[in-house]
Amino acid sequence: MGTGLERKIYELLGYMVTSARNLLDETPLYGPFRLVDAASRLISVLEEEGHASPRLLALRDRIEEGKYKVVDDPEAFRNFLDGLVQTVVESMLQEGGDKPG
């Protein structure tokens, strides 16, 4: 693994570990926000390394558009997360061709 990629991974890991620690003292809604933000950051690392598909980039854009709903409208944020889950599941099914069941 190149040092540039390793540094990006450690930056993401640092964000995730620090977030985990901070969540012990923060409002519970920060947890879901930090998780989707980490997902967005992961997709950005993949993009920088030339490994992000158009579907991943679209997912990141969707995350960036909706993640701040946590501040103004927790119910809209909940609906946003439900939609993200559905999108990821559908993408996984398209990729693998398997149906849950």
N, C-alpha and C. Protein backbone atom coordinates (compact mmCIF):
# COMPACT_ATOMS: atom_id res chain seq x y z
N MET A 1 0.86 -1.17 0.00
CA MET A 1 0.00 0.00 0.00
C MET A 1 0.90 1.23 0.00
N GLY A 2 0.64 2.14 -0.91
CA GLY A 2 1.42 3.36 -0.96
C GLY A 2 1.23 4.22 0.27
N THR A 3 2.24 5.02 0.57
CA THR A 3 2.16 5.84 1.78
C THR A 3 1.04 6.86 1.71
N GLY A 4 0.73 7.35 0.51
CA GLY A 4 -0.37 8.30 0.37
C GLY A 4 -1.71 7.68 0.73
N LEU A 5 -1.94 6.48 0.23
CA LEU A 5 -3.18 5.77 0.55
C LEU A 5 -3.23 5.42 2.03
N GLU A 6 -2.11 4.95 2.55
CA GLU A 6 -2.07 4.59 3.97
C GLU A 6 -2.38 5.81 4.84
N ARG A 7 -1.85 6.96 4.48
CA ARG A 7 -2.13 8.18 5.24
C ARG A 7 -3.62 8.51 5.21
N LYS A 8 -4.23 8.40 4.02
CA LYS A 8 -5.67 8.67 3.90
C LYS A 8 -6.48 7.71 4.76
N ILE A 9 -6.07 6.47 4.78
CA ILE A 9 -6.77 5.47 5.59
C ILE A 9 -6.62 5.81 7.07
N TYR A 10 -5.41 6.18 7.49
CA TYR A 10 -5.22 6.55 8.90
C TYR A 10 -6.00 7.81 9.26
N GLU A 11 -6.12 8.75 8.34
CA GLU A 11 -6.93 9.94 8.60
C GLU A 11 -8.38 9.54 8.82
N LEU A 12 -8.89 8.64 7.99
CA LEU A 12 -10.26 8.17 8.15
C LEU A 12 -10.41 7.39 9.45
N LEU A 13 -9.46 6.51 9.74
CA LEU A 13 -9.50 5.77 11.00
C LEU A 13 -9.44 6.71 12.19
N GLY A 14 -8.61 7.73 12.11
CA GLY A 14 -8.53 8.71 13.19
C GLY A 14 -9.86 9.40 13.41
N TYR A 15 -10.51 9.77 12.32
CA TYR A 15 -11.83 10.40 12.42
C TYR A 15 -12.82 9.44 13.08
N MET A 16 -12.80 8.19 12.66
CA MET A 16 -13.76 7.22 13.19
C MET A 16 -13.51 6.93 14.68
N VAL A 17 -12.25 6.73 15.05
CA VAL A 17 -11.93 6.41 16.44
C VAL A 17 -12.19 7.61 17.35
N THR A 18 -11.81 8.79 16.89
CA THR A 18 -12.08 10.00 17.67
C THR A 18 -13.58 10.23 17.80
N SER A 19 -14.32 9.98 16.73
CA SER A 19 -15.77 10.11 16.79
C SER A 19 -16.36 9.14 17.80
N ALA A 20 -15.87 7.91 17.80
CA ALA A 20 -16.37 6.91 18.76
C ALA A 20 -16.17 7.42 20.18
N ARG A 21 -15.01 7.95 20.46
CA ARG A 21 -14.75 8.46 21.81
C ARG A 21 -15.65 9.65 22.13
N ASN A 22 -15.76 10.59 21.19
CA ASN A 22 -16.57 11.79 21.43
C ASN A 22 -18.04 11.46 21.62
N LEU A 23 -18.49 10.39 21.00
CA LEU A 23 -19.91 10.03 21.11
C LEU A 23 -20.31 9.66 22.53
N LEU A 24 -19.36 9.33 23.35
CA LEU A 24 -19.68 9.03 24.75
C LEU A 24 -20.24 10.26 25.45
N ASP A 25 -19.90 11.44 24.96
CA ASP A 25 -20.32 12.69 25.61
C ASP A 25 -21.20 13.57 24.73
N GLU A 26 -21.49 13.15 23.53
CA GLU A 26 -22.27 13.97 22.60
C GLU A 26 -23.72 13.49 22.54
N THR A 27 -24.53 14.30 21.91
CA THR A 27 -25.92 13.94 21.70
C THR A 27 -26.02 12.68 20.84
N PRO A 28 -26.98 11.81 21.11
CA PRO A 28 -27.08 10.54 20.36
C PRO A 28 -27.22 10.71 18.84
N LEU A 29 -27.78 11.80 18.37
CA LEU A 29 -27.95 11.98 16.92
C LEU A 29 -26.62 12.17 16.19
N TYR A 30 -25.56 12.50 16.91
CA TYR A 30 -24.27 12.65 16.25
C TYR A 30 -23.74 11.31 15.74
N GLY A 31 -24.10 10.22 16.38
CA GLY A 31 -23.62 8.91 15.97
C GLY A 31 -23.96 8.58 14.53
N PRO A 32 -25.26 8.61 14.17
CA PRO A 32 -25.62 8.33 12.78
C PRO A 32 -24.99 9.32 11.80
N PHE A 33 -24.92 10.59 12.20
CA PHE A 33 -24.29 11.59 11.33
C PHE A 33 -22.83 11.21 11.07
N ARG A 34 -22.11 10.87 12.12
CA ARG A 34 -20.69 10.56 11.97
C ARG A 34 -20.48 9.30 11.13
N LEU A 35 -21.37 8.35 11.25
CA LEU A 35 -21.25 7.13 10.43
C LEU A 35 -21.45 7.42 8.95
N VAL A 36 -22.48 8.19 8.60
CA VAL A 36 -22.68 8.48 7.17
C VAL A 36 -21.59 9.41 6.66
N ASP A 37 -21.08 10.29 7.52
CA ASP A 37 -19.98 11.14 7.12
C ASP A 37 -18.74 10.30 6.85
N ALA A 38 -18.48 9.29 7.68
CA ALA A 38 -17.35 8.39 7.45
C ALA A 38 -17.53 7.62 6.14
N ALA A 39 -18.76 7.21 5.84
CA ALA A 39 -19.03 6.53 4.57
C ALA A 39 -18.70 7.45 3.39
N SER A 40 -19.09 8.70 3.50
CA SER A 40 -18.80 9.67 2.45
C SER A 40 -17.29 9.85 2.30
N ARG A 41 -16.59 9.93 3.42
CA ARG A 41 -15.13 10.09 3.38
C ARG A 41 -14.45 8.87 2.76
N LEU A 42 -14.96 7.69 3.06
CA LEU A 42 -14.41 6.47 2.46
C LEU A 42 -14.56 6.51 0.95
N ILE A 43 -15.72 6.90 0.48
CA ILE A 43 -15.94 6.99 -0.97
C ILE A 43 -14.98 8.01 -1.58
N SER A 44 -14.73 9.11 -0.87
CA SER A 44 -13.78 10.11 -1.37
C SER A 44 -12.38 9.53 -1.49
N VAL A 45 -11.95 8.74 -0.51
CA VAL A 45 -10.64 8.09 -0.59
C VAL A 45 -10.60 7.17 -1.81
N LEU A 46 -11.65 6.39 -2.00
CA LEU A 46 -11.71 5.51 -3.16
C LEU A 46 -11.65 6.30 -4.46
N GLU A 47 -12.34 7.42 -4.50
CA GLU A 47 -12.31 8.26 -5.70
C GLU A 47 -10.89 8.78 -5.97
N GLU A 48 -10.24 9.27 -4.93
CA GLU A 48 -8.89 9.79 -5.09
C GLU A 48 -7.92 8.72 -5.59
N GLU A 49 -8.19 7.48 -5.25
CA GLU A 49 -7.33 6.38 -5.66
C GLU A 49 -7.78 5.74 -6.98
N GLY A 50 -8.85 6.29 -7.57
CA GLY A 50 -9.33 5.78 -8.85
C GLY A 50 -10.16 4.52 -8.76
N HIS A 51 -10.81 4.29 -7.62
CA HIS A 51 -11.58 3.07 -7.41
C HIS A 51 -13.04 3.31 -7.06
N ALA A 52 -13.57 4.47 -7.38
CA ALA A 52 -14.97 4.76 -7.05
C ALA A 52 -15.83 4.67 -8.31
N SER A 53 -16.83 3.84 -8.25
CA SER A 53 -17.75 3.69 -9.38
C SER A 53 -18.72 4.88 -9.41
N PRO A 54 -19.38 5.06 -10.53
CA PRO A 54 -20.40 6.12 -10.59
C PRO A 54 -21.48 5.94 -9.52
N ARG A 55 -21.84 4.69 -9.22
CA ARG A 55 -22.86 4.46 -8.18
C ARG A 55 -22.35 4.92 -6.81
N LEU A 56 -21.09 4.64 -6.50
CA LEU A 56 -20.53 5.10 -5.23
C LEU A 56 -20.47 6.63 -5.17
N LEU A 57 -20.09 7.24 -6.26
CA LEU A 57 -20.03 8.71 -6.28
C LEU A 57 -21.42 9.31 -6.12
N ALA A 58 -22.41 8.69 -6.73
CA ALA A 58 -23.79 9.17 -6.57
C ALA A 58 -24.24 9.00 -5.12
N LEU A 59 -23.85 7.89 -4.50
CA LEU A 59 -24.19 7.67 -3.09
C LEU A 59 -23.54 8.73 -2.22
N ARG A 60 -22.28 9.03 -2.47
CA ARG A 60 -21.60 10.07 -1.70
C ARG A 60 -22.30 11.41 -1.86
N ASP A 61 -22.68 11.75 -3.09
CA ASP A 61 -23.39 13.01 -3.33
C ASP A 61 -24.69 13.05 -2.54
N ARG A 62 -25.38 11.94 -2.53
CA ARG A 62 -26.64 11.85 -1.78
C ARG A 62 -26.40 12.02 -0.28
N ILE A 63 -25.34 11.42 0.22
CA ILE A 63 -25.00 11.58 1.63
C ILE A 63 -24.69 13.05 1.93
N GLU A 64 -23.89 13.66 1.10
CA GLU A 64 -23.52 15.06 1.32
C GLU A 64 -24.74 15.98 1.29
N GLU A 65 -25.71 15.66 0.44
CA GLU A 65 -26.91 16.48 0.35
C GLU A 65 -27.82 16.33 1.57
N GLY A 66 -27.80 15.15 2.20
CA GLY A 66 -28.77 14.90 3.26
C GLY A 66 -28.26 14.83 4.68
N LYS A 67 -26.94 14.74 4.86
CA LYS A 67 -26.43 14.46 6.21
C LYS A 67 -26.67 15.58 7.20
N TYR A 68 -26.81 16.80 6.76
CA TYR A 68 -27.00 17.91 7.69
C TYR A 68 -28.45 18.08 8.13
N LYS A 69 -29.34 17.24 7.60
CA LYS A 69 -30.73 17.27 8.08
C LYS A 69 -30.80 16.94 9.56
N VAL A 70 -29.77 16.26 10.06
CA VAL A 70 -29.72 15.91 11.48
C VAL A 70 -29.85 17.16 12.35
N VAL A 71 -29.36 18.30 11.87
CA VAL A 71 -29.36 19.53 12.65
C VAL A 71 -30.75 20.15 12.71
N ASP A 72 -31.45 20.18 11.59
CA ASP A 72 -32.70 20.92 11.50
C ASP A 72 -33.96 20.07 11.64
N ASP A 73 -33.88 18.82 11.20
CA ASP A 73 -35.09 18.01 11.14
C ASP A 73 -34.75 16.54 11.37
N PRO A 74 -34.72 16.12 12.63
CA PRO A 74 -34.36 14.72 12.92
C PRO A 74 -35.23 13.68 12.21
N GLU A 75 -36.51 13.98 12.02
CA GLU A 75 -37.37 13.02 11.32
C GLU A 75 -36.99 12.91 9.85
N ALA A 76 -36.68 14.05 9.22
CA ALA A 76 -36.21 14.02 7.83
C ALA A 76 -34.87 13.28 7.74
N PHE A 77 -34.02 13.43 8.75
CA PHE A 77 -32.76 12.71 8.79
C PHE A 77 -33.00 11.21 8.89
N ARG A 78 -33.96 10.82 9.70
CA ARG A 78 -34.33 9.40 9.81
C ARG A 78 -34.78 8.87 8.45
N ASN A 79 -35.63 9.61 7.76
CA ASN A 79 -36.11 9.20 6.44
C ASN A 79 -34.96 9.14 5.43
N PHE A 80 -34.05 10.10 5.54
CA PHE A 80 -32.86 10.11 4.68
C PHE A 80 -32.05 8.83 4.89
N LEU A 81 -31.83 8.45 6.16
CA LEU A 81 -31.08 7.23 6.45
C LEU A 81 -31.81 5.99 5.94
N ASP A 82 -33.14 5.95 6.11
CA ASP A 82 -33.91 4.83 5.58
C ASP A 82 -33.71 4.70 4.07
N GLY A 83 -33.72 5.83 3.38
CA GLY A 83 -33.50 5.82 1.93
C GLY A 83 -32.10 5.36 1.56
N LEU A 84 -31.11 5.77 2.35
CA LEU A 84 -29.74 5.32 2.08
C LEU A 84 -29.61 3.81 2.24
N VAL A 85 -30.22 3.29 3.29
CA VAL A 85 -30.17 1.84 3.50
C VAL A 85 -30.77 1.13 2.29
N GLN A 86 -31.91 1.59 1.84
CA GLN A 86 -32.57 0.98 0.69
C GLN A 86 -31.69 1.06 -0.56
N THR A 87 -31.07 2.20 -0.77
CA THR A 87 -30.19 2.39 -1.93
C THR A 87 -29.01 1.43 -1.89
N VAL A 88 -28.38 1.29 -0.72
CA VAL A 88 -27.23 0.40 -0.60
C VAL A 88 -27.64 -1.05 -0.82
N VAL A 89 -28.76 -1.44 -0.25
CA VAL A 89 -29.25 -2.82 -0.44
C VAL A 89 -29.52 -3.07 -1.92
N GLU A 90 -30.20 -2.16 -2.56
CA GLU A 90 -30.49 -2.32 -3.99
C GLU A 90 -29.20 -2.41 -4.81
N SER A 91 -28.22 -1.60 -4.47
CA SER A 91 -26.93 -1.63 -5.19
C SER A 91 -26.23 -2.96 -4.98
N MET A 92 -26.30 -3.48 -3.76
CA MET A 92 -25.68 -4.78 -3.49
C MET A 92 -26.37 -5.89 -4.27
N LEU A 93 -27.68 -5.81 -4.37
CA LEU A 93 -28.43 -6.83 -5.11
C LEU A 93 -28.12 -6.75 -6.60
N GLN A 94 -27.99 -5.55 -7.13
CA GLN A 94 -27.64 -5.39 -8.53
C GLN A 94 -26.25 -5.95 -8.81
N GLU A 95 -25.35 -5.71 -7.89
CA GLU A 95 -23.97 -6.16 -8.06
C GLU A 95 -23.87 -7.69 -8.02
N GLY A 96 -24.56 -8.28 -7.05
CA GLY A 96 -24.44 -9.72 -6.86
C GLY A 96 -25.51 -10.54 -7.56
N GLY A 97 -26.60 -9.89 -7.89
CA GLY A 97 -27.67 -10.61 -8.56
C GLY A 97 -28.51 -11.48 -7.66
N ASP A 98 -28.24 -11.47 -6.37
CA ASP A 98 -29.01 -12.30 -5.44
C ASP A 98 -30.21 -11.53 -4.91
N LYS A 99 -31.23 -12.25 -4.61
CA LYS A 99 -32.42 -11.67 -3.99
C LYS A 99 -32.49 -12.16 -2.56
N PRO A 100 -32.85 -11.27 -1.62
CA PRO A 100 -33.01 -11.74 -0.25
C PRO A 100 -34.20 -12.68 -0.17
N GLY A 101 -34.10 -13.58 0.76
CA GLY A 101 -35.29 -14.37 0.81
C GLY A 101 -35.26 -15.55 1.61
